[in-house]
Amino acid sequence: MATNPNNAIGTNAAFGGRTSPNAFNDVLGAFQGRGILSGWECSPDSGMTVVLGGNGTTRDVAIAEDNAGNKTTVDNIPASPISLTIAAAPATQSRIDAVVVYVNNPPQGSSTAVDNYGTVGILDVQGTVASSPVAPDDSEIRTAITADGASGATAYYVVLGNITIPAGTTTITSNMISQGAAAPIRTNIARSVVDVIYPVGSIYMSSNSVNPATFLGGTWNQIQDKFLLAAGSIYNAGDTGGNATHNHTLSDSGYAAIDIDKGQVRYRETRVARWQATWKVDGSNSQSASSNEDYGSPLRGNTDNASSMPPYLVVYVWKRIA
């Protein structure tokens, strides 16, 4: 296999090594076919060169599939970008090339190899030049893998991206690149897991605005502009209420009065004796009188509007209804 730059691409060792094709298939059985599990983004580099994956920390991982539906993983060993040069553009019309990673069949390795890079390659599979070109099909991809020295008729492979190349192109740009598809999960398995984790009535929250129906299935209603409150003895599930702002109404039950001694305004909630006086008339015995009448002015009106919001983080919230 000549097409593995610096032994940068690998698959786990098999037949006495770390694992085996059968073990891979057991683990990968939830996936419906080939596709990308993480990373492997195809990006322009310079001229007719592209780089694939590589963030320097996490390996790019994809699922490759053979002609019988068996699966194995293929990953980026150093977790660094891998360069690939695309063939020169056609003189007229256009073509679509497929960037393909393949694993020879069987993906056999040694008992000591952690990554079996001797059986893996990466290719630019050229499509047919046409006025309305299409991406290479399975037969064309397998022919190219065979020409690269592998067992192309039965090899495992995965498409990391397609590149549309107009006539005369000398530099690949991002708008020419269509990224490879994610590895699809078998619908029945996925729905079973989703139904356990998110049964009807569940709440899903995220900072991403995408409706969870697109990746979890089911039917979801978006909840907007509301806090969530735990149900209990006071509030029942499904109850709604509250406002973002509030004010308080002041009624006749309270009065405002001036405390002459302290010179402060105070608020009285109960009616009390407002005054009491003692005096003498012509040197005779003292006379006294008192009043229980209110002399404060009724306090009526509203306070200013104010926020009722505690500190918050805004997220998208959805409720599953089916």
Protein backbone atom coordinates (compact mmCIF):
# COMPACT_ATOMS: atom_id res chain seq x y z
CA MET A 1 0.00 0.00 0.00
CA ALA A 2 1.77 3.12 -1.20
CA THR A 3 -0.99 5.61 -0.47
CA ASN A 4 -0.66 6.14 3.28
CA PRO A 5 1.45 9.27 3.86
CA ASN A 6 3.84 8.76 6.75
CA ASN A 7 1.73 5.85 7.97
CA ALA A 8 -0.75 8.43 9.24
CA ILE A 9 -3.87 6.29 8.76
CA GLY A 10 -4.55 3.07 10.61
CA THR A 11 -7.00 0.45 11.74
CA ASN A 12 -6.88 -1.73 14.81
CA ALA A 13 -4.81 -4.91 14.58
CA ALA A 14 -6.65 -8.15 13.85
CA PHE A 15 -6.21 -11.93 14.06
CA GLY A 16 -4.24 -12.21 17.26
CA GLY A 17 -3.84 -8.47 17.66
CA ARG A 18 -5.90 -6.08 19.74
CA THR A 19 -9.15 -7.02 18.08
CA SER A 20 -10.70 -8.71 15.04
CA PRO A 21 -13.17 -8.00 12.23
CA ASN A 22 -15.82 -10.01 14.08
CA ALA A 23 -15.30 -7.99 17.23
CA PHE A 24 -15.53 -4.79 15.19
CA ASN A 25 -18.79 -5.89 13.65
CA ASP A 26 -20.25 -6.67 17.07
CA VAL A 27 -19.37 -3.20 18.32
CA LEU A 28 -20.40 -1.42 15.11
CA GLY A 29 -23.62 -3.35 14.64
CA ALA A 30 -25.72 -0.35 15.64
CA PHE A 31 -24.56 1.52 12.54
CA GLN A 32 -26.40 1.01 9.30
CA GLY A 33 -23.43 1.54 6.99
CA ARG A 34 -20.19 3.37 6.34
CA GLY A 35 -19.67 6.97 7.42
CA ILE A 36 -17.77 9.38 9.66
CA LEU A 37 -17.96 9.02 13.45
CA SER A 38 -15.88 12.08 14.33
CA GLY A 39 -13.62 14.56 12.57
CA TRP A 40 -12.20 13.85 9.11
CA GLU A 41 -13.18 17.29 7.83
CA CYS A 42 -11.86 17.98 4.33
CA SER A 43 -10.44 21.51 3.97
CA PRO A 44 -8.53 23.42 1.28
CA ASP A 45 -4.79 23.71 1.77
CA SER A 46 -2.92 25.30 -1.13
CA GLY A 47 -3.25 24.81 -4.84
CA MET A 48 -4.77 21.41 -5.58
CA THR A 49 -4.00 20.06 -2.10
CA VAL A 50 -6.53 19.43 0.67
CA VAL A 51 -6.02 18.46 4.31
CA LEU A 52 -8.13 15.89 6.09
CA GLY A 53 -9.06 16.03 9.77
CA GLY A 54 -6.53 16.62 12.47
CA ASN A 55 -7.01 18.82 15.51
CA GLY A 56 -3.81 17.63 17.19
CA THR A 57 -5.67 16.08 20.12
CA THR A 58 -8.42 13.68 19.11
CA ARG A 59 -8.20 11.11 16.35
CA ASP A 60 -10.54 11.31 13.38
CA VAL A 61 -12.58 8.10 13.23
CA ALA A 62 -14.77 6.66 10.47
CA ILE A 63 -16.51 3.37 9.74
CA ALA A 64 -15.44 1.62 6.54
CA GLU A 65 -17.60 -1.12 5.03
CA ASP A 66 -16.80 -3.97 2.66
CA ASN A 67 -18.96 -5.34 -0.15
CA ALA A 68 -20.71 -7.74 2.24
CA GLY A 69 -21.73 -5.13 4.81
CA ASN A 70 -18.99 -5.98 7.32
CA LYS A 71 -17.46 -2.97 9.06
CA THR A 72 -14.18 -1.83 10.54
CA THR A 73 -12.88 1.47 11.86
CA VAL A 74 -10.25 3.63 10.24
CA ASP A 75 -8.62 6.53 12.05
CA ASN A 76 -6.02 9.26 11.90
CA ILE A 77 -3.14 7.91 14.00
CA PRO A 78 -1.26 11.13 14.90
CA ALA A 79 -4.45 13.24 15.15
CA SER A 80 -2.76 15.74 12.81
CA PRO A 81 -3.96 16.96 9.40
CA ILE A 82 -3.25 14.59 6.51
CA SER A 83 -2.45 16.13 3.11
CA LEU A 84 -3.81 14.77 -0.15
CA THR A 85 -3.13 16.15 -3.62
CA ILE A 86 -6.08 16.21 -6.00
CA ALA A 87 -5.53 15.40 -9.68
CA ALA A 88 -5.31 18.30 -12.14
CA ALA A 89 -8.60 19.82 -13.29
CA PRO A 90 -10.08 18.85 -16.66
CA ALA A 91 -9.49 21.15 -19.61
CA THR A 92 -13.21 21.36 -20.32
CA GLN A 93 -16.43 20.72 -18.40
CA SER A 94 -16.16 19.47 -14.80
CA ARG A 95 -15.74 16.38 -12.67
CA ILE A 96 -16.43 15.30 -9.08
CA ASP A 97 -13.70 13.46 -7.18
CA ALA A 98 -14.25 11.30 -4.10
CA VAL A 99 -11.74 11.41 -1.24
CA VAL A 100 -11.70 7.81 -0.05
CA VAL A 101 -10.02 5.99 2.83
CA TYR A 102 -9.87 2.21 2.42
CA VAL A 103 -8.85 -0.83 4.47
CA ASN A 104 -7.66 -3.98 2.74
CA ASN A 105 -9.66 -7.15 3.25
CA PRO A 106 -8.91 -8.89 5.53
CA PRO A 107 -7.60 -6.09 7.78
CA GLN A 108 -4.99 -8.45 9.19
CA GLY A 109 -2.35 -7.22 11.62
CA SER A 110 0.18 -8.50 14.10
CA SER A 111 -0.31 -9.32 17.75
CA THR A 112 1.81 -6.31 18.72
CA ALA A 113 0.49 -3.68 16.32
CA VAL A 114 -1.76 -1.14 17.95
CA ASP A 115 -2.59 0.40 14.58
CA ASN A 116 -2.37 -1.67 11.44
CA TYR A 117 -1.30 1.02 8.98
CA GLY A 118 0.17 -1.38 6.44
CA THR A 119 -3.25 -2.31 5.16
CA VAL A 120 -4.78 1.17 4.85
CA GLY A 121 -4.71 3.81 2.10
CA ILE A 122 -6.19 7.18 1.16
CA LEU A 123 -7.13 8.11 -2.42
CA ASP A 124 -8.42 10.81 -4.71
CA VAL A 125 -10.86 8.82 -6.85
CA GLN A 126 -11.50 10.81 -10.04
CA GLY A 127 -15.01 11.01 -11.41
CA THR A 128 -16.03 11.16 -15.08
CA VAL A 129 -15.70 14.54 -16.80
CA ALA A 130 -19.11 15.82 -17.91
CA SER A 131 -21.21 18.96 -18.20
CA SER A 132 -23.26 17.66 -15.24
CA PRO A 133 -20.81 15.40 -13.41
CA VAL A 134 -21.69 12.88 -10.69
CA ALA A 135 -19.56 11.51 -7.87
CA PRO A 136 -17.78 8.16 -8.39
CA ASP A 137 -19.97 5.14 -7.65
CA ASP A 138 -19.05 1.95 -5.78
CA SER A 139 -17.66 0.27 -8.91
CA GLU A 140 -15.41 3.22 -9.77
CA ILE A 141 -14.17 3.49 -6.19
CA ARG A 142 -13.33 -0.22 -6.00
CA THR A 143 -11.51 -0.04 -9.34
CA ALA A 144 -9.36 2.80 -7.98
CA ILE A 145 -8.64 0.86 -4.77
CA THR A 146 -7.54 -2.14 -6.84
CA ALA A 147 -5.25 0.08 -8.92
CA ASP A 148 -3.68 1.26 -5.65
CA GLY A 149 -2.71 -2.33 -4.88
CA ALA A 150 -5.47 -3.44 -2.52
CA SER A 151 -8.17 -6.08 -2.80
CA GLY A 152 -10.54 -3.50 -4.24
CA ALA A 153 -13.38 -5.92 -4.95
CA THR A 154 -13.79 -6.69 -1.24
CA ALA A 155 -11.98 -3.84 0.54
CA TYR A 156 -13.58 -1.76 3.28
CA TYR A 157 -13.86 1.92 2.35
CA VAL A 158 -15.52 5.19 3.36
CA VAL A 159 -15.93 8.46 1.46
CA LEU A 160 -14.57 11.39 3.48
CA GLY A 161 -15.82 14.01 1.04
CA ASN A 162 -16.55 14.89 -2.60
CA ILE A 163 -14.84 17.73 -4.48
CA THR A 164 -16.43 19.39 -7.51
CA ILE A 165 -13.65 20.57 -9.87
CA PRO A 166 -14.57 22.93 -12.71
CA ALA A 167 -12.42 23.10 -15.85
CA GLY A 168 -9.16 24.98 -15.40
CA THR A 169 -9.22 24.92 -11.59
CA THR A 170 -5.80 25.48 -10.04
CA THR A 171 -6.82 26.01 -6.42
CA ILE A 172 -9.33 24.02 -4.37
CA THR A 173 -11.71 26.26 -2.40
CA SER A 174 -14.09 25.40 0.41
CA ASN A 175 -17.21 25.89 -1.74
CA MET A 176 -16.04 23.03 -3.98
CA ILE A 177 -16.00 20.55 -1.08
CA SER A 178 -18.91 18.47 0.16
CA GLN A 179 -18.09 16.77 3.47
CA GLY A 180 -18.61 13.06 3.95
CA ALA A 181 -21.77 11.82 5.65
CA ALA A 182 -22.02 10.72 9.28
CA ALA A 183 -22.32 6.99 9.94
CA PRO A 184 -26.08 6.31 10.08
CA ILE A 185 -27.45 4.51 13.13
CA ARG A 186 -29.95 1.74 12.53
CA THR A 187 -33.40 3.26 12.98
CA ASN A 188 -34.87 0.56 15.20
CA ILE A 189 -31.91 0.65 17.62
CA ALA A 190 -31.79 4.43 17.67
CA ARG A 191 -35.52 4.78 18.33
CA SER A 192 -35.38 2.19 21.10
CA VAL A 193 -32.58 4.10 22.86
CA VAL A 194 -34.33 7.44 22.36
CA ASP A 195 -37.63 6.08 23.68
CA VAL A 196 -35.87 4.93 26.85
CA ILE A 197 -33.95 8.17 27.43
CA TYR A 198 -36.57 10.62 26.09
CA PRO A 199 -40.06 9.08 26.36
CA VAL A 200 -43.11 11.17 25.43
CA GLY A 201 -43.40 14.03 27.92
CA SER A 202 -39.61 14.44 28.31
CA ILE A 203 -37.89 17.81 28.25
CA TYR A 204 -34.81 18.43 26.10
CA MET A 205 -32.60 21.51 26.64
CA SER A 206 -29.68 22.75 24.56
CA SER A 207 -27.84 25.91 23.49
CA ASN A 208 -28.31 24.61 19.92
CA SER A 209 -31.52 25.75 18.20
CA VAL A 210 -31.96 22.56 16.13
CA ASN A 211 -35.25 20.73 16.78
CA PRO A 212 -34.31 17.42 18.48
CA ALA A 213 -36.67 15.61 16.09
CA THR A 214 -33.94 15.92 13.45
CA PHE A 215 -31.54 13.66 15.36
CA LEU A 216 -33.66 11.93 18.03
CA GLY A 217 -36.89 11.37 16.10
CA GLY A 218 -40.33 11.83 17.61
CA THR A 219 -42.38 15.03 17.67
CA TRP A 220 -41.33 17.96 19.85
CA ASN A 221 -42.93 21.28 20.79
CA GLN A 222 -40.65 24.18 21.63
CA ILE A 223 -41.26 25.87 24.99
CA GLN A 224 -40.51 29.59 24.79
CA ASP A 225 -40.03 32.41 27.32
CA LYS A 226 -40.80 30.29 30.41
CA PHE A 227 -38.92 28.98 33.43
CA LEU A 228 -39.36 25.36 34.51
CA LEU A 229 -40.83 24.71 37.99
CA ALA A 230 -40.78 21.33 39.74
CA ALA A 231 -44.25 19.87 40.36
CA GLY A 232 -45.28 19.18 43.96
CA SER A 233 -48.13 19.74 46.43
CA ILE A 234 -48.64 23.37 45.37
CA TYR A 235 -48.04 23.27 41.62
CA ASN A 236 -49.17 20.49 39.29
CA ALA A 237 -47.34 19.35 36.14
CA GLY A 238 -48.61 21.34 33.18
CA ASP A 239 -49.65 24.41 35.21
CA THR A 240 -48.57 27.75 33.79
CA GLY A 241 -48.38 31.26 35.24
CA GLY A 242 -46.14 34.12 36.23
CA ASN A 243 -44.86 37.25 34.50
CA ALA A 244 -41.43 38.57 33.61
CA THR A 245 -42.16 41.87 35.44
CA HIS A 246 -44.48 42.92 38.29
CA ASN A 247 -45.78 45.86 40.31
CA HIS A 248 -47.68 46.11 43.62
CA THR A 249 -51.07 47.82 43.98
CA LEU A 250 -51.53 50.00 47.09
CA SER A 251 -55.10 50.10 48.43
CA ASP A 252 -57.14 51.72 51.26
CA SER A 253 -55.94 49.12 53.73
CA GLY A 254 -52.85 51.22 54.37
CA TYR A 255 -52.29 54.86 55.25
CA ALA A 256 -49.39 57.25 55.12
CA ALA A 257 -48.76 59.53 58.08
CA ILE A 258 -46.06 61.86 59.34
CA ASP A 259 -44.31 60.96 62.58
CA ILE A 260 -43.83 64.47 63.94
CA ASP A 261 -41.27 63.42 66.57
CA LYS A 262 -38.93 61.78 64.06
CA GLY A 263 -39.97 63.56 60.92
CA GLN A 264 -40.26 60.30 58.98
CA VAL A 265 -42.96 58.94 56.74
CA ARG A 266 -44.32 55.67 57.95
CA TYR A 267 -46.87 53.21 56.63
CA ARG A 268 -49.66 52.13 59.05
CA GLU A 269 -51.52 48.90 58.39
CA THR A 270 -53.92 49.09 61.40
CA ARG A 271 -56.12 51.82 62.77
CA VAL A 272 -54.84 53.13 66.13
CA ALA A 273 -55.51 56.16 68.37
CA ARG A 274 -54.09 59.09 66.51
CA TRP A 275 -54.09 61.67 69.36
CA GLN A 276 -54.87 62.31 73.01
CA ALA A 277 -55.01 65.69 74.83
CA THR A 278 -55.32 66.91 78.48
CA TRP A 279 -56.18 70.46 79.54
CA LYS A 280 -57.68 72.58 82.44
CA VAL A 281 -60.56 75.02 82.25
CA ASP A 282 -60.57 78.03 84.72
CA GLY A 283 -58.30 76.22 87.17
CA SER A 284 -60.79 73.42 87.60
CA ASN A 285 -60.14 69.79 87.34
CA SER A 286 -58.28 68.50 84.32
CA GLN A 287 -60.27 67.52 81.26
CA SER A 288 -59.15 65.03 78.66
CA ALA A 289 -60.28 63.72 75.32
CA SER A 290 -58.96 61.37 72.68
CA SER A 291 -59.75 60.28 69.13
CA ASN A 292 -59.52 56.97 67.35
CA GLU A 293 -60.13 58.59 64.01
CA ASP A 294 -57.53 58.24 61.26
CA TYR A 295 -55.79 61.38 60.30
CA GLY A 296 -53.44 59.80 57.77
CA SER A 297 -54.15 60.04 54.03
CA PRO A 298 -55.10 56.83 52.21
CA LEU A 299 -52.14 55.50 50.06
CA ARG A 300 -53.34 54.45 46.62
CA GLY A 301 -51.65 53.60 43.29
CA ASN A 302 -48.98 51.23 41.97
CA THR A 303 -45.28 50.75 42.39
CA ASP A 304 -43.00 50.93 39.34
CA ASN A 305 -42.68 47.87 37.09
CA ALA A 306 -39.68 45.77 38.12
CA SER A 307 -38.11 42.52 36.88
CA SER A 308 -39.03 39.25 38.59
CA MET A 309 -36.16 37.39 36.91
CA PRO A 310 -33.46 35.67 38.95
CA PRO A 311 -29.99 35.32 37.33
CA TYR A 312 -30.51 33.19 34.21
CA LEU A 313 -28.96 31.39 31.24
CA VAL A 314 -31.15 31.21 28.14
CA VAL A 315 -31.34 27.83 26.37
CA TYR A 316 -33.67 26.20 23.85
CA VAL A 317 -36.24 23.93 25.50
CA TRP A 318 -38.38 21.28 23.79
CA LYS A 319 -41.04 18.92 25.09
CA ARG A 320 -41.63 15.61 23.35
CA ILE A 321 -45.32 15.13 22.54
CA ALA A 322 -45.16 12.00 20.31
